[in-house]
Amino acid sequence: MATRDKQQEARARPEVGCGRSRARRLSSGPWMLLAAWGSSLCGCGAIPTPAHEAAAPAEPPPIEGGALGPVLTPAELDARRLELARALMDEPGWNLYSTGGDFIATPVDDPLLVEGARRRIDAMRDRLARELPPPAGSQRPAPLLLRIHPDRDAFERAGGQRGTTSFWDAERGEAALFDGGSTEERQRISWPALQHILVHEHLGTTVGLEVVPPWLLFGLASDCEALVLGADGRLAPPAEGRWRALARETAGAAPPPLARFLAFSREEFEGRNEFGSGAYRNLVLAGSLVAFLREEGPANLLGRTLTALQDGEEAPAALRAGLDGTPVAELDGAWRSWIEARTGRPLPAE
């Protein structure tokens, strides 16, 4: 969203009281992968959505809820707010906040928490819409509701899987995470979890997670976790310490061959592969690959790759399409050189 109404720059105000979150763990199986990393959990559930009661006026002006936010009429936005209020008003202690085209619900009485979440939702929407623009004609079916639980215990009681920090419920249009409490813990836990889960929500609602290979899904989420919000409202890489995990995970062994890494199935990405490359290591490597492609590749490389995936290309061929036919073997060497430059040491011999 290139521009914002000045009112949206002001601190978000509570809309209505609501209570204990009913978000639940929605799946196991492949999503258990994320629990082992202490990262975010996404899933799908099923719950009927009440019909909007408010009627839209004739030819109303649209409201832009961020660059990727849903385009809603004023009546539709009000109807969604009332819908959420009806669903949550029997849960005393929570407050509902509007933020652009999305909503935040939390029992934590801290305007800084709500404002911090609002600013990061806006910044992530803007970044993802530029880097991975949704296909023509697609838009999110409803505004996102972000539930922020007061602590990890409350998050797990509400359905968050032990060891994870967030999850996304596709059917309900809800994401959930928990408040780290202090400024430092929000920077360490809450905001990375929010930025991670918004990647899953973006890809899931625009193209469908089933077409996105693990290296792109988790690489983009891992890369976005580390971004820091600047005074200009944009997310950018941290000034220092960004490549410590990459240095650790490449100290004992070189990455798998890129063509093979791109083709990893979910199970192989979890660690069941011939290279002995475990889940966390693959997450770090995928994040480095996304960062490398963003820094060294042509403009809109990831978006073009995603389009090729939607068209049915396998992962290596899709990346070649985004690179205008550059051989993956050539890209492999450049990626390894990039890792050596970022970590400050040569990769081990294969």
Protein backbone atom coordinates (compact mmCIF):
# COMPACT_ATOMS: atom_id res chain seq x y z
CA MET A 1 0.00 0.00 0.00
CA ALA A 2 1.80 3.02 -1.32
CA THR A 3 -0.46 5.46 0.52
CA ARG A 4 -2.43 5.36 3.75
CA ASP A 5 -5.18 7.47 5.17
CA LYS A 6 -3.73 9.65 7.91
CA GLN A 7 -6.19 8.17 10.35
CA GLN A 8 -4.68 4.75 9.82
CA GLU A 9 -1.32 6.11 10.92
CA ALA A 10 -2.78 6.90 14.32
CA ARG A 11 -2.82 4.27 17.01
CA ALA A 12 -5.51 1.63 16.52
CA ARG A 13 -8.48 1.94 18.88
CA PRO A 14 -10.42 -0.94 20.47
CA GLU A 15 -13.70 -1.70 18.72
CA VAL A 16 -15.48 -4.19 20.96
CA GLY A 17 -14.81 -6.45 23.92
CA CYS A 18 -14.36 -10.14 23.24
CA GLY A 19 -12.87 -13.05 25.10
CA ARG A 20 -10.87 -16.25 25.06
CA SER A 21 -9.67 -17.35 21.64
CA ARG A 22 -11.28 -20.43 20.16
CA ALA A 23 -8.57 -20.94 17.55
CA ARG A 24 -7.60 -24.59 17.48
CA ARG A 25 -4.85 -26.77 16.12
CA LEU A 26 -6.10 -27.67 12.70
CA SER A 27 -3.77 -30.31 11.37
CA SER A 28 -0.82 -32.47 12.17
CA GLY A 29 1.24 -34.39 9.67
CA PRO A 30 3.29 -32.02 7.50
CA TRP A 31 2.72 -29.03 9.73
CA MET A 32 4.45 -30.85 12.60
CA LEU A 33 7.65 -29.90 10.76
CA LEU A 34 7.35 -26.36 12.01
CA ALA A 35 6.93 -27.39 15.62
CA ALA A 36 10.40 -28.94 15.58
CA TRP A 37 11.88 -25.63 14.46
CA GLY A 38 10.12 -23.54 17.09
CA SER A 39 8.68 -21.56 14.22
CA SER A 40 5.13 -21.07 12.98
CA LEU A 41 2.31 -23.51 12.41
CA CYS A 42 -0.23 -23.09 9.63
CA GLY A 43 -3.24 -25.21 8.80
CA CYS A 44 -6.78 -25.40 7.55
CA GLY A 45 -10.04 -25.76 9.39
CA ALA A 46 -13.69 -25.56 8.57
CA ILE A 47 -16.26 -23.24 10.11
CA PRO A 48 -19.30 -21.68 8.45
CA THR A 49 -19.09 -17.96 7.85
CA PRO A 50 -22.27 -16.03 8.76
CA ALA A 51 -23.76 -14.08 5.89
CA HIS A 52 -23.25 -10.32 5.94
CA GLU A 53 -26.31 -8.55 7.29
CA ALA A 54 -25.51 -5.03 6.16
CA ALA A 55 -26.51 -4.10 2.63
CA ALA A 56 -23.95 -2.34 0.45
CA PRO A 57 -24.94 1.09 -0.86
CA ALA A 58 -25.20 1.62 -4.60
CA GLU A 59 -21.76 2.00 -6.24
CA PRO A 60 -19.87 2.70 -3.00
CA PRO A 61 -16.20 3.68 -3.11
CA PRO A 62 -13.82 0.78 -2.35
CA ILE A 63 -11.62 0.69 0.71
CA GLU A 64 -8.09 -0.54 0.08
CA GLY A 65 -6.93 -2.66 3.02
CA GLY A 66 -3.26 -2.52 2.13
CA ALA A 67 -1.55 -3.48 -1.12
CA LEU A 68 -2.78 -7.05 -0.82
CA GLY A 69 -5.70 -6.38 1.49
CA PRO A 70 -9.23 -7.16 0.43
CA VAL A 71 -11.09 -4.48 -1.52
CA LEU A 72 -14.25 -3.90 0.51
CA THR A 73 -17.09 -1.46 0.44
CA PRO A 74 -17.73 0.46 3.66
CA ALA A 75 -20.80 -1.68 4.31
CA GLU A 76 -18.86 -4.91 3.76
CA LEU A 77 -16.13 -3.79 6.13
CA ASP A 78 -18.71 -2.87 8.77
CA ALA A 79 -20.45 -6.21 8.27
CA ARG A 80 -17.19 -8.08 8.84
CA ARG A 81 -16.56 -6.06 12.01
CA LEU A 82 -20.04 -6.87 13.30
CA GLU A 83 -19.59 -10.51 12.36
CA LEU A 84 -16.42 -10.72 14.41
CA ALA A 85 -18.00 -8.84 17.29
CA ARG A 86 -20.93 -11.29 17.40
CA ALA A 87 -18.55 -14.25 17.33
CA LEU A 88 -16.29 -12.93 20.08
CA MET A 89 -18.47 -10.82 22.37
CA ASP A 90 -19.13 -13.76 24.70
CA GLU A 91 -15.42 -13.93 25.52
CA PRO A 92 -14.91 -11.21 28.16
CA GLY A 93 -11.54 -9.56 28.40
CA TRP A 94 -10.59 -9.29 24.76
CA ASN A 95 -10.69 -6.20 22.53
CA LEU A 96 -11.15 -6.01 18.77
CA TYR A 97 -9.18 -3.46 16.75
CA SER A 98 -9.50 -2.39 13.13
CA THR A 99 -6.33 -1.93 11.12
CA GLY A 100 -6.79 -1.09 7.45
CA GLY A 101 -8.68 -4.05 5.99
CA ASP A 102 -7.67 -6.45 8.77
CA PHE A 103 -8.53 -6.92 12.44
CA ILE A 104 -6.56 -7.64 15.62
CA ALA A 105 -8.06 -9.25 18.73
CA THR A 106 -6.18 -9.46 22.02
CA PRO A 107 -6.81 -9.34 25.79
CA VAL A 108 -3.48 -7.56 26.29
CA ASP A 109 -4.15 -3.95 27.25
CA ASP A 110 -1.11 -2.42 25.59
CA PRO A 111 -1.50 0.05 22.72
CA LEU A 112 2.16 -0.52 21.76
CA LEU A 113 1.44 -4.19 21.09
CA VAL A 114 -1.51 -3.41 18.83
CA GLU A 115 0.33 -0.62 17.04
CA GLY A 116 3.38 -2.84 16.56
CA ALA A 117 1.26 -5.59 15.05
CA ARG A 118 -0.64 -3.14 12.82
CA ARG A 119 2.53 -1.61 11.44
CA ARG A 120 4.05 -5.00 10.67
CA ILE A 121 0.90 -6.27 8.98
CA ASP A 122 0.92 -3.17 6.78
CA ALA A 123 4.64 -3.49 6.02
CA MET A 124 4.40 -7.21 5.21
CA ARG A 125 1.36 -6.69 2.97
CA ASP A 126 3.29 -4.02 1.09
CA ARG A 127 6.47 -6.09 0.77
CA LEU A 128 4.75 -9.29 -0.34
CA ALA A 129 2.50 -7.52 -2.82
CA ARG A 130 5.56 -6.01 -4.49
CA GLU A 131 7.69 -9.15 -4.41
CA LEU A 132 4.99 -11.77 -5.02
CA PRO A 133 2.08 -9.95 -6.65
CA PRO A 134 -1.11 -12.01 -6.60
CA PRO A 135 -2.34 -13.42 -9.91
CA ALA A 136 -4.75 -11.30 -11.91
CA GLY A 137 -8.24 -11.42 -10.47
CA SER A 138 -7.25 -12.91 -7.10
CA GLN A 139 -7.87 -11.33 -3.74
CA ARG A 140 -8.25 -12.54 -0.20
CA PRO A 141 -11.81 -13.73 0.45
CA ALA A 142 -12.08 -11.87 3.78
CA PRO A 143 -9.97 -9.63 6.02
CA LEU A 144 -7.54 -11.41 8.32
CA LEU A 145 -8.25 -11.65 12.04
CA LEU A 146 -5.01 -11.79 14.03
CA ARG A 147 -5.43 -13.15 17.56
CA ILE A 148 -2.63 -12.23 19.98
CA HIS A 149 -2.77 -14.38 23.10
CA PRO A 150 -1.28 -13.02 26.35
CA ASP A 151 1.37 -15.76 26.69
CA ARG A 152 2.54 -19.10 25.36
CA ASP A 153 0.34 -21.12 27.74
CA ALA A 154 -2.81 -19.32 26.57
CA PHE A 155 -1.74 -19.80 22.94
CA GLU A 156 -1.32 -23.55 23.46
CA ARG A 157 -4.63 -23.85 25.34
CA ALA A 158 -6.29 -22.18 22.35
CA GLY A 159 -4.87 -24.75 19.94
CA GLY A 160 -1.30 -23.65 19.25
CA GLN A 161 0.96 -26.66 19.04
CA ARG A 162 3.65 -26.97 21.70
CA GLY A 163 6.95 -25.54 20.51
CA THR A 164 5.41 -23.34 17.81
CA THR A 165 4.86 -19.60 17.89
CA SER A 166 1.97 -19.05 15.45
CA PHE A 167 -0.54 -20.71 13.17
CA TRP A 168 -2.91 -19.77 10.37
CA ASP A 169 -6.46 -21.08 9.94
CA ALA A 170 -7.27 -20.75 6.24
CA GLU A 171 -10.99 -21.48 6.50
CA ARG A 172 -11.65 -18.98 9.28
CA GLY A 173 -9.29 -16.32 7.94
CA GLU A 174 -7.50 -16.20 11.29
CA ALA A 175 -3.89 -16.23 12.44
CA ALA A 176 -2.79 -16.64 16.04
CA LEU A 177 0.38 -15.96 17.99
CA PHE A 178 1.29 -14.90 21.53
CA ASP A 179 2.68 -11.77 23.15
CA GLY A 180 6.31 -12.03 24.21
CA GLY A 181 5.57 -9.52 26.98
CA SER A 182 8.61 -7.24 26.88
CA THR A 183 9.88 -5.19 23.97
CA GLU A 184 12.85 -7.52 23.66
CA GLU A 185 10.74 -10.69 23.62
CA ARG A 186 8.34 -9.22 21.09
CA GLN A 187 11.31 -8.51 18.84
CA ARG A 188 12.65 -12.03 19.41
CA ILE A 189 9.41 -14.06 19.26
CA SER A 190 6.16 -12.24 18.47
CA TRP A 191 7.14 -10.12 15.46
CA PRO A 192 9.13 -12.85 13.67
CA ALA A 193 6.15 -15.18 14.20
CA LEU A 194 3.77 -12.61 12.70
CA GLN A 195 6.01 -11.96 9.70
CA HIS A 196 6.45 -15.71 9.13
CA ILE A 197 2.76 -16.53 9.27
CA LEU A 198 1.82 -13.70 6.91
CA VAL A 199 3.99 -15.34 4.24
CA HIS A 200 1.96 -18.54 4.59
CA GLU A 201 -1.28 -16.57 4.53
CA HIS A 202 -0.18 -14.62 1.44
CA LEU A 203 0.83 -17.69 -0.56
CA GLY A 204 -2.08 -19.76 0.68
CA THR A 205 -4.71 -17.22 -0.27
CA THR A 206 -3.24 -16.09 -3.59
CA VAL A 207 -1.97 -19.30 -5.18
CA GLY A 208 -2.55 -22.17 -2.73
CA LEU A 209 0.13 -23.81 -0.62
CA GLU A 210 -0.12 -27.04 -2.57
CA VAL A 211 1.75 -25.53 -5.55
CA VAL A 212 4.54 -23.87 -3.53
CA PRO A 213 7.64 -26.06 -2.99
CA PRO A 214 9.16 -26.20 0.51
CA TRP A 215 12.27 -24.20 -0.42
CA LEU A 216 10.14 -21.23 -1.47
CA LEU A 217 7.44 -21.48 1.20
CA PHE A 218 9.79 -21.86 4.14
CA GLY A 219 12.67 -19.94 2.61
CA LEU A 220 10.57 -16.84 2.14
CA ALA A 221 9.04 -17.22 5.63
CA SER A 222 12.47 -17.73 7.19
CA ASP A 223 13.91 -14.73 5.37
CA CYS A 224 10.98 -12.51 6.39
CA GLU A 225 11.22 -13.56 10.05
CA ALA A 226 14.54 -11.77 10.36
CA LEU A 227 13.36 -8.45 8.92
CA VAL A 228 13.31 -5.41 11.21
CA LEU A 229 10.77 -2.60 11.01
CA GLY A 230 12.39 0.77 10.36
CA ALA A 231 11.24 4.26 11.25
CA ASP A 232 10.01 4.64 7.67
CA GLY A 233 7.51 1.82 8.18
CA ARG A 234 9.37 -0.59 5.90
CA LEU A 235 10.89 -3.95 6.78
CA ALA A 236 14.60 -4.41 6.10
CA PRO A 237 17.32 -6.93 7.02
CA PRO A 238 19.01 -6.39 10.40
CA ALA A 239 22.26 -4.44 10.46
CA GLU A 240 24.25 -7.31 11.98
CA GLY A 241 24.02 -10.96 12.96
CA ARG A 242 21.93 -11.99 9.98
CA TRP A 243 24.16 -14.84 8.80
CA ARG A 244 25.17 -16.46 12.11
CA ALA A 245 22.80 -19.38 11.70
CA LEU A 246 23.91 -19.85 8.10
CA ALA A 247 27.56 -19.94 9.21
CA ARG A 248 26.73 -22.56 11.84
CA GLU A 249 24.70 -24.74 9.50
CA THR A 250 27.32 -24.73 6.74
CA ALA A 251 30.37 -25.18 8.96
CA GLY A 252 30.33 -28.98 8.86
CA ALA A 253 28.90 -29.70 5.41
CA ALA A 254 28.18 -27.93 2.16
CA PRO A 255 24.55 -27.49 1.06
CA PRO A 256 22.97 -30.26 -1.03
CA PRO A 257 23.23 -29.77 -4.80
CA LEU A 258 20.83 -26.98 -5.72
CA ALA A 259 18.87 -28.96 -8.32
CA ARG A 260 18.20 -31.64 -5.71
CA PHE A 261 17.40 -29.10 -2.98
CA LEU A 262 14.86 -27.35 -5.19
CA ALA A 263 13.10 -30.67 -5.78
CA PHE A 264 12.91 -31.69 -2.10
CA SER A 265 9.50 -33.00 -1.11
CA ARG A 266 8.02 -31.98 2.23
CA GLU A 267 9.31 -35.19 3.81
CA GLU A 268 12.80 -34.65 2.41
CA PHE A 269 12.76 -31.05 3.58
CA GLU A 270 11.93 -32.31 7.07
CA GLY A 271 15.17 -34.27 7.05
CA ARG A 272 14.42 -37.58 5.37
CA ASN A 273 16.94 -37.14 2.55
CA GLU A 274 20.15 -38.77 1.42
CA PHE A 275 22.30 -35.83 2.51
CA GLY A 276 21.45 -35.99 6.21
CA SER A 277 20.32 -32.38 5.96
CA GLY A 278 17.86 -31.81 8.81
CA ALA A 279 14.75 -29.67 9.03
CA TYR A 280 16.28 -26.65 10.73
CA ARG A 281 19.32 -26.71 8.46
CA ASN A 282 17.08 -26.84 5.39
CA LEU A 283 15.07 -23.91 6.74
CA VAL A 284 18.24 -21.84 7.11
CA LEU A 285 19.50 -22.87 3.67
CA ALA A 286 16.15 -22.04 2.06
CA GLY A 287 16.17 -18.62 3.70
CA SER A 288 19.66 -17.99 2.34
CA LEU A 289 18.57 -19.10 -1.13
CA VAL A 290 15.66 -16.66 -1.14
CA ALA A 291 17.93 -13.86 0.08
CA PHE A 292 20.49 -14.74 -2.63
CA LEU A 293 17.86 -14.75 -5.37
CA ARG A 294 16.45 -11.45 -4.17
CA GLU A 295 19.88 -9.78 -4.06
CA GLU A 296 21.45 -11.26 -7.18
CA GLY A 297 18.54 -12.23 -9.43
CA PRO A 298 16.52 -10.14 -11.88
CA ALA A 299 13.57 -8.04 -10.75
CA ASN A 300 10.47 -10.01 -9.80
CA LEU A 301 12.37 -13.31 -9.98
CA LEU A 302 10.37 -14.91 -7.16
CA GLY A 303 7.09 -13.71 -8.62
CA ARG A 304 7.96 -15.12 -12.03
CA THR A 305 9.00 -18.40 -10.43
CA LEU A 306 5.68 -18.57 -8.60
CA THR A 307 3.80 -17.98 -11.86
CA ALA A 308 5.68 -20.86 -13.49
CA LEU A 309 4.78 -23.09 -10.54
CA GLN A 310 1.12 -22.17 -10.97
CA ASP A 311 1.42 -23.14 -14.63
CA GLY A 312 2.49 -26.64 -13.60
CA GLU A 313 6.27 -26.44 -13.84
CA GLU A 314 8.37 -28.47 -11.40
CA ALA A 315 10.50 -26.46 -8.97
CA PRO A 316 13.86 -26.51 -10.84
CA ALA A 317 12.20 -25.70 -14.17
CA ALA A 318 10.12 -22.94 -12.55
CA LEU A 319 13.22 -21.27 -11.19
CA ARG A 320 14.92 -21.57 -14.59
CA ALA A 321 11.87 -19.87 -16.11
CA GLY A 322 12.21 -17.02 -13.63
CA LEU A 323 15.87 -16.72 -14.57
CA ASP A 324 15.17 -16.69 -18.32
CA GLY A 325 16.71 -20.11 -18.77
CA THR A 326 19.88 -19.77 -16.67
CA PRO A 327 21.05 -23.35 -15.91
CA VAL A 328 20.55 -24.42 -12.31
CA ALA A 329 24.14 -25.74 -12.21
CA GLU A 330 25.41 -22.23 -12.94
CA LEU A 331 23.13 -20.81 -10.27
CA ASP A 332 24.37 -23.45 -7.80
CA GLY A 333 27.95 -22.19 -8.02
CA ALA A 334 26.87 -18.57 -7.61
CA TRP A 335 24.77 -19.45 -4.52
CA ARG A 336 27.71 -21.24 -2.89
CA SER A 337 30.02 -18.31 -3.57
CA TRP A 338 27.39 -15.99 -2.11
CA ILE A 339 27.21 -18.13 1.07
CA GLU A 340 31.00 -18.01 1.42
CA ALA A 341 30.97 -14.23 1.06
CA ARG A 342 28.23 -13.82 3.67
CA THR A 343 29.74 -16.23 6.22
CA GLY A 344 33.33 -15.19 5.64
CA ARG A 345 34.71 -18.68 5.13
CA PRO A 346 34.87 -21.37 2.42
CA LEU A 347 32.32 -24.14 2.36
CA PRO A 348 33.57 -27.64 3.27
CA ALA A 349 34.50 -29.87 0.35
CA GLU A 350 31.68 -32.08 -0.81
